[in-house]
Amino acid sequence: MFRFPNPGSDIERLVNIFRDTFADYTKSFSLEYISYIMAQHKSASAVGSFGIKAFKKSQTKDKSRNSIYNQAKAYAETYRWLGWIYAESLSKMYVTPIGRLILDEEYDWFPIFKTCFLSWTTPNENIKSKSEYNGYPILNILNTAVKTDGKLSRDEMIVGPLNEKYEELGSSATYIDDIRKGKLNINEEITQFGISKNTLGNYTRIVIAGLRFTKLMKKSGHYFLLTNEGKRISNKMIDKVLTKDANDDEIIASFKWFLEYSQFNILKSAKNLNDQILGSPYQIFNPAKINGLLVNAGMLPKYLTNNSRDMLERHVKSFTYAKYRQEPLASFVMKSEVGNTHDVYDKDEFNEFLKSTKLSEILEIVGKYKKEEFYPFVGKLFRIIGFESDVSRNGQNAQRADIVLNYQGKRTIPVEVKSKTEVSKINIKSIEQAFENKIILMSRQYGHFKKDDASFVVGFAYPSSASKANQLVSAYYKVYGVKIVLISISTLVKMAKETLVNNRQWDINDFIKNMGEVRLNG
């Protein structure tokens, strides 16, 4: 059976840990250092402790008994399978161009993750697997489910498509059909692996989580059923899949497929790209082998392959943008796709929702919002407390900031927004981006800006490391004269509720001249 790593079943946590751990993508990482960073960010625990204390407690001569090291190993192995990091060895791993797209919060990571998940394959040059599996296990699951009444149980996945080579899908479906007809006993078939059923189940945790998270399959009783999206993918004609033996043209064509399926626009047309070749080169090949090839073919911007930390240059020269997911939202949220929030919301409905709903319930609801839901929500809150707000259209980055506020037609404030599904708390990178927003605003002379007005950051919660955040905010003001204001969604909702319920008026001038975390009195 193909043995997947077991970092858990929370995909959003998987992405957030990647962003926290590999934020400084210019360096190489050892597995020991990865475990240290994860402990530092409280992404791993040991002996009932979190943080550096847990890291120290977990140190043992026998690394197989070092819990934080083993947690880091499971995450790192998953990121390697996804093509986000490449490992020359366990002491030298570095972030690939695909990993940098995940780190760059400019992009919607969901379609990138979905494409990488579907492109999970072996054999490859990134991981040496003991398994003799040869093919694309996630695609195999979908294609097998099509042949087995559109459904598979977890145990059927284990004995069937996760235990079959890509060329043997027909026998996989026949095999499962024999099990369902009672010709074979599935528990007896599982014992042939020589591994406990619970352990085999752990090998499928990330598989099941990914299939459900990407909405390729859904749980129904004992089975996982193909969704319409799962059926669409499995029924779509694929000319071929990328393999280790691929030539240059096939590698380029597969990356074209990867970009398109990840909802990116192509830089420019390359020759001989008519074939539909499923796969991700970064999940099969050493990046050193393919970076130059893809850059020269016009399929990859060069900045994704170098170690520049120039964030401003990177955003200005961004080659393409992902489209946001379009999902049905609650009736009081999305009415259209236009940018200005007074057209996006039904004002009366939304205001009544804020007034009549407890703060804790609102936070529970918006904590599940993706960026395309969360950003307009934030924009509307700002309108209630006295601003005009312009929310960036989905996929539109001309104005750079997620939201641009205007006050009385004379003040322009950029807002960097982070939903909880992107990052659980305002982090250092959010503050850096708020600084960039202000610099870009001034360089482009966008709107009626004043240098002394702040740049805002709105996130689900305030930073866990207040001292580091405050140091950075102070440094930006001391060195560049740029003020950064941090606002939690809880604070912003409270302000909006106070305005609606008690007709409270806020000192906007004081608000935008301040810096640091916003705290309400009374």
Protein backbone atom coordinates (compact mmCIF):
# COMPACT_ATOMS: atom_id res chain seq x y z
CA MET A 1 0.00 0.00 0.00
CA PHE A 2 1.11 3.58 -0.68
CA ARG A 3 2.00 4.97 2.75
CA PHE A 4 1.08 8.62 3.11
CA PRO A 5 2.62 10.69 5.95
CA ASN A 6 0.32 11.46 8.87
CA PRO A 7 0.56 15.14 9.87
CA GLY A 8 -3.11 15.20 10.86
CA SER A 9 -6.32 15.91 8.99
CA ASP A 10 -6.61 19.71 9.20
CA ILE A 11 -5.62 21.06 5.78
CA GLU A 12 -5.83 24.73 6.76
CA ARG A 13 -3.54 24.06 9.72
CA LEU A 14 -1.18 22.25 7.33
CA VAL A 15 -0.96 25.39 5.17
CA ASN A 16 -0.66 27.80 8.12
CA ILE A 17 2.19 25.77 9.61
CA PHE A 18 3.95 25.82 6.25
CA ARG A 19 3.65 29.60 6.09
CA ASP A 20 4.90 30.06 9.65
CA THR A 21 7.77 27.60 9.28
CA PHE A 22 9.15 28.57 5.88
CA ALA A 23 8.50 32.33 5.96
CA ASP A 24 12.21 33.02 5.43
CA TYR A 25 12.36 31.08 2.17
CA THR A 26 15.84 32.36 1.20
CA LYS A 27 17.64 29.81 3.34
CA SER A 28 17.87 26.03 3.43
CA PHE A 29 16.34 24.10 6.31
CA SER A 30 17.37 21.04 8.25
CA LEU A 31 14.73 18.81 9.79
CA GLU A 32 16.08 19.71 13.23
CA TYR A 33 15.64 23.40 12.46
CA ILE A 34 12.12 22.81 11.12
CA SER A 35 11.19 21.10 14.38
CA TYR A 36 12.63 24.07 16.32
CA ILE A 37 10.60 26.62 14.29
CA MET A 38 7.43 24.56 14.66
CA ALA A 39 7.93 24.46 18.42
CA GLN A 40 8.69 28.19 18.48
CA HIS A 41 5.37 28.89 16.71
CA LYS A 42 3.55 26.45 19.01
CA SER A 43 2.73 24.27 16.00
CA ALA A 44 3.97 21.16 17.79
CA SER A 45 3.76 19.89 21.35
CA ALA A 46 5.60 17.45 23.58
CA VAL A 47 5.25 16.12 27.11
CA GLY A 48 2.20 18.30 27.74
CA SER A 49 4.06 21.49 26.80
CA PHE A 50 4.18 23.94 23.90
CA GLY A 51 6.85 26.26 22.57
CA ILE A 52 10.59 26.13 23.24
CA LYS A 53 9.94 24.44 26.57
CA ALA A 54 8.36 21.52 24.70
CA PHE A 55 11.28 21.48 22.24
CA LYS A 56 13.76 21.11 25.07
CA LYS A 57 11.71 18.40 26.79
CA SER A 58 11.45 16.37 23.60
CA GLN A 59 15.20 16.08 22.97
CA THR A 60 16.39 12.47 23.12
CA LYS A 61 19.38 10.60 21.72
CA ASP A 62 16.98 8.30 19.91
CA LYS A 63 15.20 10.58 17.41
CA SER A 64 12.46 8.01 16.89
CA ARG A 65 11.29 8.94 20.40
CA ASN A 66 11.55 12.69 19.87
CA SER A 67 7.90 13.66 19.41
CA ILE A 68 8.46 17.17 18.00
CA TYR A 69 11.10 15.90 15.58
CA ASN A 70 8.68 13.23 14.36
CA GLN A 71 5.83 15.73 14.00
CA ALA A 72 8.13 17.97 11.95
CA LYS A 73 9.16 14.97 9.86
CA ALA A 74 5.52 14.16 9.00
CA TYR A 75 4.81 17.76 7.98
CA ALA A 76 8.06 18.10 6.00
CA GLU A 77 7.39 14.84 4.18
CA THR A 78 3.89 16.05 3.24
CA TYR A 79 5.28 19.33 1.92
CA ARG A 80 7.82 17.37 -0.13
CA TRP A 81 5.09 15.19 -1.65
CA LEU A 82 3.13 18.34 -2.48
CA GLY A 83 6.19 19.83 -4.20
CA TRP A 84 6.42 22.83 -1.85
CA ILE A 85 9.90 22.00 -0.57
CA TYR A 86 12.72 19.97 -2.11
CA ALA A 87 15.11 17.91 -0.03
CA GLU A 88 18.67 17.22 -1.09
CA SER A 89 18.88 15.56 2.33
CA LEU A 90 17.19 15.87 5.73
CA SER A 91 19.79 18.50 6.58
CA LYS A 92 19.25 20.56 3.42
CA MET A 93 15.69 21.35 2.31
CA TYR A 94 14.56 24.48 0.50
CA VAL A 95 11.33 26.04 -0.75
CA THR A 96 10.37 25.47 -4.40
CA PRO A 97 8.62 28.04 -6.66
CA ILE A 98 5.30 26.30 -5.87
CA GLY A 99 6.01 26.65 -2.15
CA ARG A 100 6.68 30.35 -2.66
CA LEU A 101 3.25 30.75 -4.26
CA ILE A 102 1.75 29.23 -1.10
CA LEU A 103 3.84 31.57 1.08
CA ASP A 104 2.75 34.60 -0.91
CA GLU A 105 -0.63 35.51 0.57
CA GLU A 106 -1.29 37.52 -2.58
CA TYR A 107 -2.54 34.26 -4.06
CA ASP A 108 -5.47 32.04 -3.12
CA TRP A 109 -3.76 28.89 -1.86
CA PHE A 110 -6.82 26.63 -2.18
CA PRO A 111 -6.62 25.91 -5.96
CA ILE A 112 -2.83 25.51 -5.68
CA PHE A 113 -3.23 22.97 -2.87
CA LYS A 114 -5.98 21.18 -4.81
CA THR A 115 -3.77 20.84 -7.88
CA CYS A 116 -0.77 19.63 -5.85
CA PHE A 117 -2.99 17.16 -3.98
CA LEU A 118 -4.30 15.73 -7.25
CA SER A 119 -0.73 15.60 -8.63
CA TRP A 120 0.67 13.58 -5.69
CA THR A 121 2.72 10.89 -7.41
CA THR A 122 5.51 8.35 -7.18
CA PRO A 123 8.23 7.64 -8.12
CA ASN A 124 9.87 11.07 -7.93
CA GLU A 125 13.23 12.65 -7.22
CA ASN A 126 12.09 14.39 -4.03
CA ILE A 127 11.27 11.36 -1.87
CA LYS A 128 12.57 7.82 -1.97
CA SER A 129 9.58 5.69 -1.06
CA LYS A 130 9.76 2.07 0.03
CA SER A 131 6.51 1.52 -1.81
CA GLU A 132 6.57 0.12 -5.32
CA TYR A 133 3.50 2.17 -6.17
CA ASN A 134 3.77 3.72 -9.62
CA GLY A 135 1.24 6.40 -10.48
CA TYR A 136 -1.15 9.03 -9.13
CA PRO A 137 -3.00 7.66 -6.06
CA ILE A 138 -5.56 10.49 -5.72
CA LEU A 139 -6.48 10.31 -9.39
CA ASN A 140 -6.64 6.53 -9.05
CA ILE A 141 -9.15 6.84 -6.21
CA LEU A 142 -11.41 9.08 -8.30
CA ASN A 143 -11.17 6.90 -11.39
CA THR A 144 -11.80 3.72 -9.40
CA ALA A 145 -14.83 5.28 -7.68
CA VAL A 146 -16.33 6.02 -11.10
CA LYS A 147 -16.19 2.29 -11.84
CA THR A 148 -17.62 1.30 -8.43
CA ASP A 149 -20.96 3.13 -8.33
CA GLY A 150 -19.34 6.47 -7.54
CA LYS A 151 -18.27 5.50 -4.03
CA LEU A 152 -15.49 3.91 -2.01
CA SER A 153 -15.02 3.12 1.66
CA ARG A 154 -11.74 3.87 3.39
CA ASP A 155 -10.85 0.16 3.53
CA GLU A 156 -11.69 -0.24 -0.16
CA MET A 157 -9.26 2.60 -0.93
CA ILE A 158 -6.57 0.78 1.07
CA VAL A 159 -6.89 -2.56 -0.69
CA GLY A 160 -7.81 -1.10 -4.10
CA PRO A 161 -6.56 2.14 -5.70
CA LEU A 162 -3.91 2.79 -3.05
CA ASN A 163 -2.51 -0.66 -3.67
CA GLU A 164 -2.63 -0.68 -7.47
CA LYS A 165 -0.42 0.67 -10.22
CA TYR A 166 -1.88 3.28 -12.51
CA GLU A 167 -2.22 0.80 -15.40
CA GLU A 168 -4.27 -1.64 -13.33
CA LEU A 169 -7.34 0.44 -12.54
CA GLY A 170 -9.64 -2.08 -14.21
CA SER A 171 -8.51 -4.89 -11.93
CA SER A 172 -8.86 -2.57 -8.92
CA ALA A 173 -12.55 -1.97 -9.68
CA THR A 174 -13.16 -5.67 -10.33
CA TYR A 175 -11.41 -6.55 -7.09
CA ILE A 176 -13.65 -4.19 -5.09
CA ASP A 177 -16.72 -5.51 -6.87
CA ASP A 178 -15.78 -9.05 -5.76
CA ILE A 179 -15.48 -7.81 -2.15
CA ARG A 180 -18.91 -6.19 -2.27
CA LYS A 181 -20.44 -9.38 -3.69
CA GLY A 182 -19.00 -11.38 -0.81
CA LYS A 183 -16.49 -13.34 -2.89
CA LEU A 184 -13.67 -11.89 -0.80
CA ASN A 185 -13.51 -10.77 2.85
CA ILE A 186 -12.07 -7.26 3.10
CA ASN A 187 -10.69 -7.78 6.63
CA GLU A 188 -8.80 -10.86 5.46
CA GLU A 189 -7.48 -8.91 2.48
CA ILE A 190 -6.24 -6.15 4.78
CA THR A 191 -4.34 -8.60 7.00
CA GLN A 192 -2.17 -9.51 4.00
CA PHE A 193 -0.35 -6.18 4.39
CA GLY A 194 1.10 -7.36 7.71
CA ILE A 195 0.23 -4.00 9.28
CA SER A 196 -2.51 -3.27 11.81
CA LYS A 197 -5.75 -1.86 10.44
CA ASN A 198 -5.41 1.24 12.64
CA THR A 199 -1.95 1.98 11.23
CA LEU A 200 -3.21 1.56 7.69
CA GLY A 201 -6.05 3.93 8.53
CA ASN A 202 -3.53 6.51 9.75
CA TYR A 203 -1.79 6.32 6.37
CA THR A 204 -5.03 7.52 4.76
CA ARG A 205 -5.81 10.45 7.10
CA ILE A 206 -4.35 13.11 4.82
CA VAL A 207 -5.96 11.39 1.82
CA ILE A 208 -9.46 11.45 3.30
CA ALA A 209 -8.99 14.99 4.61
CA GLY A 210 -7.78 16.23 1.23
CA LEU A 211 -10.56 14.55 -0.74
CA ARG A 212 -13.19 16.14 1.49
CA PHE A 213 -11.50 19.53 1.80
CA THR A 214 -11.13 19.91 -1.97
CA LYS A 215 -14.74 18.73 -2.38
CA LEU A 216 -13.74 15.86 -4.66
CA MET A 217 -15.58 13.42 -2.40
CA LYS A 218 -18.01 13.69 0.50
CA LYS A 219 -18.78 11.40 3.42
CA SER A 220 -22.05 9.52 3.44
CA GLY A 221 -22.35 6.80 6.04
CA HIS A 222 -19.73 4.11 5.48
CA TYR A 223 -18.70 5.47 2.08
CA PHE A 224 -17.08 8.47 0.43
CA LEU A 225 -19.08 9.58 -2.60
CA LEU A 226 -17.79 11.35 -5.68
CA THR A 227 -19.00 14.94 -5.91
CA ASN A 228 -19.82 16.58 -9.22
CA GLU A 229 -16.31 18.05 -9.20
CA GLY A 230 -14.80 14.62 -8.54
CA LYS A 231 -16.82 13.15 -11.39
CA ARG A 232 -15.82 15.99 -13.70
CA ILE A 233 -12.12 15.39 -13.08
CA SER A 234 -12.28 11.60 -13.36
CA ASN A 235 -14.43 11.74 -16.49
CA LYS A 236 -12.27 14.34 -18.22
CA MET A 237 -10.07 12.91 -20.93
CA ILE A 238 -6.39 13.13 -19.97
CA ASP A 239 -3.97 12.53 -22.83
CA LYS A 240 -1.21 11.39 -20.49
CA VAL A 241 0.33 11.92 -17.07
CA LEU A 242 3.77 13.29 -16.25
CA THR A 243 6.41 10.69 -15.36
CA LYS A 244 10.11 10.68 -14.45
CA ASP A 245 10.91 9.80 -18.07
CA ALA A 246 9.25 12.93 -19.49
CA ASN A 247 11.11 15.05 -22.05
CA ASP A 248 11.40 18.84 -21.90
CA ASP A 249 8.28 19.53 -23.98
CA GLU A 250 6.22 17.22 -21.77
CA ILE A 251 7.52 18.93 -18.61
CA ILE A 252 6.57 22.34 -20.02
CA ALA A 253 3.14 21.09 -21.12
CA SER A 254 2.46 19.59 -17.68
CA PHE A 255 3.34 22.88 -15.97
CA LYS A 256 0.92 24.64 -18.31
CA TRP A 257 -1.76 22.20 -17.09
CA PHE A 258 -0.68 22.83 -13.48
CA LEU A 259 -1.04 26.61 -13.86
CA GLU A 260 -4.39 26.39 -15.61
CA TYR A 261 -5.85 23.94 -13.10
CA SER A 262 -4.53 26.15 -10.26
CA GLN A 263 -6.51 28.99 -11.87
CA PHE A 264 -3.50 30.96 -13.07
CA ASN A 265 -3.12 32.75 -16.36
CA ILE A 266 -0.24 31.63 -18.57
CA LEU A 267 2.64 34.04 -19.11
CA LYS A 268 2.82 33.40 -22.82
CA SER A 269 2.16 30.59 -25.24
CA ALA A 270 4.85 27.96 -25.57
CA LYS A 271 5.19 25.61 -28.51
CA ASN A 272 3.78 22.10 -28.68
CA LEU A 273 1.42 22.51 -25.71
CA ASN A 274 -1.67 20.96 -27.20
CA ASP A 275 -1.40 17.77 -25.13
CA GLN A 276 -3.19 17.69 -21.79
CA ILE A 277 -0.49 16.30 -19.47
CA LEU A 278 -1.57 16.01 -15.85
CA GLY A 279 1.08 16.48 -13.20
CA SER A 280 3.38 18.91 -11.42
CA PRO A 281 7.07 18.95 -12.39
CA TYR A 282 7.97 20.12 -8.89
CA GLN A 283 6.45 16.94 -7.47
CA ILE A 284 8.67 14.76 -9.63
CA PHE A 285 11.91 16.57 -10.50
CA ASN A 286 14.71 18.42 -8.76
CA PRO A 287 13.93 22.16 -9.13
CA ALA A 288 17.51 22.76 -10.26
CA LYS A 289 16.69 20.66 -13.33
CA ILE A 290 13.47 22.41 -14.34
CA ASN A 291 13.63 26.02 -13.08
CA GLY A 292 15.62 27.31 -16.06
CA LEU A 293 13.57 25.24 -18.49
CA LEU A 294 10.27 26.70 -17.29
CA VAL A 295 11.61 30.26 -17.04
CA ASN A 296 12.99 30.12 -20.59
CA ALA A 297 9.70 28.69 -21.84
CA GLY A 298 7.87 31.71 -20.45
CA MET A 299 5.91 29.57 -17.99
CA LEU A 300 7.55 30.78 -14.76
CA PRO A 301 8.69 34.27 -13.65
CA LYS A 302 12.35 34.30 -12.67
CA TYR A 303 11.73 35.97 -9.30
CA LEU A 304 10.18 32.73 -8.04
CA THR A 305 13.53 30.95 -8.50
CA ASN A 306 15.92 33.43 -6.87
CA ASN A 307 16.48 34.47 -3.26
CA SER A 308 15.48 38.12 -3.51
CA ARG A 309 13.73 39.52 -0.44
CA ASP A 310 12.55 42.60 -2.33
CA MET A 311 8.83 42.24 -1.65
CA LEU A 312 7.87 45.43 -3.51
CA GLU A 313 9.60 44.31 -6.70
CA ARG A 314 8.06 40.86 -6.36
CA HIS A 315 4.49 42.18 -6.20
CA VAL A 316 4.94 44.77 -8.94
CA LYS A 317 6.27 42.10 -11.28
CA SER A 318 3.81 39.35 -10.34
CA PHE A 319 3.03 37.38 -13.45
CA THR A 320 -0.52 36.27 -12.78
CA TYR A 321 -3.19 35.95 -10.10
CA ALA A 322 -5.36 33.12 -8.92
CA LYS A 323 -9.12 33.46 -9.17
CA TYR A 324 -10.96 33.17 -5.87
CA ARG A 325 -13.37 30.35 -5.24
CA GLN A 326 -16.96 31.22 -5.95
CA GLU A 327 -19.20 29.56 -3.37
CA PRO A 328 -22.76 30.36 -2.33
CA LEU A 329 -22.75 32.57 0.76
CA ALA A 330 -25.32 33.53 3.35
CA SER A 331 -28.01 35.84 1.95
CA PHE A 332 -26.77 38.84 3.92
CA VAL A 333 -23.24 38.54 2.55
CA MET A 334 -22.69 38.37 -1.18
CA LYS A 335 -25.08 40.00 -3.64
CA SER A 336 -22.73 40.61 -6.56
CA GLU A 337 -19.07 40.69 -7.50
CA VAL A 338 -18.62 44.45 -7.70
CA GLY A 339 -15.91 46.08 -5.64
CA ASN A 340 -17.72 48.68 -3.56
CA THR A 341 -19.28 47.18 -0.47
CA HIS A 342 -22.45 49.26 -0.48
CA ASP A 343 -23.40 47.27 -3.61
CA VAL A 344 -22.25 43.94 -2.21
CA TYR A 345 -24.50 43.81 0.84
CA ASP A 346 -28.15 44.20 1.58
CA LYS A 347 -27.64 47.02 4.08
CA ASP A 348 -30.74 46.53 6.23
CA GLU A 349 -30.29 42.77 6.43
CA PHE A 350 -26.63 43.05 7.31
CA ASN A 351 -27.17 45.74 9.95
CA GLU A 352 -29.93 43.70 11.57
CA PHE A 353 -27.62 40.67 11.62
CA LEU A 354 -24.95 42.67 13.45
CA LYS A 355 -27.37 44.17 15.97
CA SER A 356 -29.20 40.94 16.82
CA THR A 357 -26.32 38.45 16.85
CA LYS A 358 -23.99 37.92 19.79
CA LEU A 359 -20.33 38.79 19.26
CA SER A 360 -19.26 35.19 19.95
CA GLU A 361 -21.67 33.88 17.32
CA ILE A 362 -20.48 36.42 14.75
CA LEU A 363 -16.86 35.43 15.39
CA GLU A 364 -17.73 31.77 15.00
CA ILE A 365 -19.37 32.47 11.64
CA VAL A 366 -16.71 34.77 10.19
CA GLY A 367 -13.93 32.54 11.51
CA LYS A 368 -14.91 30.07 8.77
CA TYR A 369 -14.98 32.68 6.00
CA LYS A 370 -12.53 32.44 3.14
CA LYS A 371 -10.98 35.66 1.91
CA GLU A 372 -13.65 36.27 -0.75
CA GLU A 373 -16.26 36.32 2.05
CA PHE A 374 -14.17 37.89 4.80
CA TYR A 375 -12.81 40.92 2.93
CA PRO A 376 -16.24 42.35 1.93
CA PHE A 377 -17.44 41.67 5.49
CA VAL A 378 -14.57 43.82 6.83
CA GLY A 379 -15.27 46.50 4.22
CA LYS A 380 -18.87 46.79 5.37
CA LEU A 381 -17.83 47.16 9.01
CA PHE A 382 -15.61 50.10 8.07
CA ARG A 383 -18.53 51.73 6.23
CA ILE A 384 -20.70 51.47 9.32
CA ILE A 385 -18.17 53.27 11.53
CA GLY A 386 -17.70 56.14 9.08
CA PHE A 387 -15.48 55.27 6.12
CA GLU A 388 -16.11 54.75 2.44
CA SER A 389 -14.57 51.38 1.57
CA ASP A 390 -13.49 49.88 -1.73
CA VAL A 391 -12.88 46.14 -1.58
CA SER A 392 -10.58 44.71 -4.25
CA ARG A 393 -12.42 42.67 -6.83
CA ASN A 394 -11.69 38.95 -6.80
CA GLY A 395 -8.37 38.50 -8.55
CA GLN A 396 -7.92 42.26 -9.07
CA ASN A 397 -4.66 43.56 -7.64
CA ALA A 398 -4.22 46.87 -9.45
CA GLN A 399 -4.72 48.81 -6.21
CA ARG A 400 -2.58 46.26 -4.31
CA ALA A 401 -4.30 46.71 -0.90
CA ASP A 402 -7.17 44.35 -0.04
CA ILE A 403 -9.34 47.33 0.92
CA VAL A 404 -8.84 51.05 0.36
CA LEU A 405 -10.68 53.35 2.79
CA ASN A 406 -11.63 56.95 2.14
CA TYR A 407 -12.69 59.45 4.77
CA GLN A 408 -14.67 62.55 3.74
CA GLY A 409 -13.06 62.44 0.31
CA LYS A 410 -9.81 63.76 1.76
CA ARG A 411 -8.03 60.77 3.33
CA THR A 412 -7.01 57.44 1.79
CA ILE A 413 -6.09 54.47 4.00
CA PRO A 414 -4.87 51.08 2.69
CA VAL A 415 -6.01 48.00 4.61
CA GLU A 416 -4.23 44.64 4.66
CA VAL A 417 -6.80 41.96 5.55
CA LYS A 418 -6.22 38.40 6.73
CA SER A 419 -9.05 35.96 7.33
CA LYS A 420 -8.69 33.25 9.96
CA THR A 421 -8.54 30.65 7.18
CA GLU A 422 -5.40 32.38 5.89
CA VAL A 423 -3.68 32.96 9.22
CA SER A 424 -5.14 32.60 12.71
CA LYS A 425 -3.66 35.85 14.05
CA ILE A 426 -2.12 39.01 12.66
CA ASN A 427 1.46 38.00 11.95
CA ILE A 428 4.72 39.73 11.11
CA LYS A 429 4.18 39.23 7.39
CA SER A 430 0.81 41.01 7.60
CA ILE A 431 2.51 44.02 9.16
CA GLU A 432 5.21 43.95 6.48
CA GLN A 433 2.52 43.95 3.80
CA ALA A 434 0.71 46.87 5.45
CA PHE A 435 3.99 48.79 5.27
CA GLU A 436 4.33 47.89 1.56
CA ASN A 437 0.75 49.05 0.96
CA LYS A 438 1.60 52.48 2.31
CA ILE A 439 4.81 52.73 0.30
CA ILE A 440 3.00 51.75 -2.91
CA LEU A 441 0.15 54.15 -2.14
CA MET A 442 2.63 57.01 -1.82
CA SER A 443 4.73 56.01 -4.83
CA ARG A 444 1.66 55.84 -7.06
CA GLN A 445 0.12 58.92 -5.42
CA TYR A 446 -3.13 56.98 -5.18
CA GLY A 447 -6.06 58.98 -3.80
CA HIS A 448 -5.86 61.78 -1.25
CA PHE A 449 -3.25 60.18 0.99
CA LYS A 450 -1.33 61.83 3.79
CA LYS A 451 2.02 60.43 4.83
CA ASP A 452 1.16 60.82 8.52
CA ASP A 453 -2.01 58.70 8.18
CA ALA A 454 -1.66 55.07 9.20
CA SER A 455 -1.82 51.89 7.17
CA PHE A 456 -4.25 49.34 8.65
CA VAL A 457 -4.03 45.61 9.26
CA VAL A 458 -7.21 43.66 10.06
CA GLY A 459 -6.96 40.06 11.20
CA PHE A 460 -8.97 37.61 13.22
CA ALA A 461 -6.96 38.18 16.41
CA TYR A 462 -4.04 40.24 17.65
CA PRO A 463 -0.49 38.82 17.36
CA SER A 464 0.49 36.14 19.85
CA SER A 465 3.92 37.75 20.11
CA ALA A 466 2.93 41.33 20.89
CA SER A 467 6.50 42.39 21.64
CA LYS A 468 7.83 41.41 18.20
CA ALA A 469 4.86 43.00 16.45
CA ASN A 470 5.23 46.21 18.44
CA GLN A 471 8.96 46.30 17.74
CA LEU A 472 8.30 46.09 14.00
CA VAL A 473 5.54 48.73 14.14
CA SER A 474 7.87 51.04 16.10
CA ALA A 475 10.74 50.37 13.69
CA TYR A 476 8.66 51.28 10.64
CA TYR A 477 7.66 54.56 12.26
CA LYS A 478 11.16 55.38 13.54
CA VAL A 479 12.97 54.60 10.27
CA TYR A 480 10.36 55.43 7.62
CA GLY A 481 7.77 57.56 9.41
CA VAL A 482 5.03 55.04 8.50
CA LYS A 483 2.38 54.24 11.13
CA ILE A 484 0.75 50.81 11.26
CA VAL A 485 -2.56 50.20 13.07
CA LEU A 486 -3.53 46.64 14.05
CA ILE A 487 -7.24 45.83 14.39
CA SER A 488 -8.75 42.49 15.39
CA ILE A 489 -12.06 41.51 13.82
CA SER A 490 -13.54 41.37 17.33
CA THR A 491 -12.64 45.02 17.88
CA LEU A 492 -14.02 46.09 14.50
CA VAL A 493 -17.30 44.21 15.05
CA LYS A 494 -17.67 45.82 18.50
CA MET A 495 -17.19 49.27 16.98
CA ALA A 496 -19.81 48.58 14.28
CA LYS A 497 -22.29 47.20 16.83
CA GLU A 498 -21.79 50.26 19.06
CA THR A 499 -22.53 52.53 16.11
CA LEU A 500 -25.68 50.62 15.14
CA VAL A 501 -27.07 49.95 18.62
CA ASN A 502 -26.00 53.04 20.58
CA ASN A 503 -25.40 55.48 17.71
CA ARG A 504 -21.84 55.92 18.93
CA GLN A 505 -19.63 58.19 16.82
CA TRP A 506 -15.92 57.49 16.57
CA ASP A 507 -13.03 59.95 16.39
CA ILE A 508 -11.87 58.90 12.93
CA ASN A 509 -9.04 61.43 12.87
CA ASP A 510 -7.59 59.94 16.05
CA PHE A 511 -8.16 56.46 14.65
CA ILE A 512 -6.07 57.01 11.53
CA LYS A 513 -3.34 59.02 13.27
CA ASN A 514 -2.65 56.27 15.79
CA MET A 515 -0.35 53.22 15.67
CA GLY A 516 -0.20 49.78 17.24
CA GLU A 517 -3.11 47.68 18.49
CA VAL A 518 -6.55 49.27 18.76
CA ARG A 519 -8.08 48.83 22.22
CA LEU A 520 -11.57 50.09 23.06
CA ASN A 521 -12.33 51.91 26.32
CA GLY A 522 -15.58 50.98 28.01
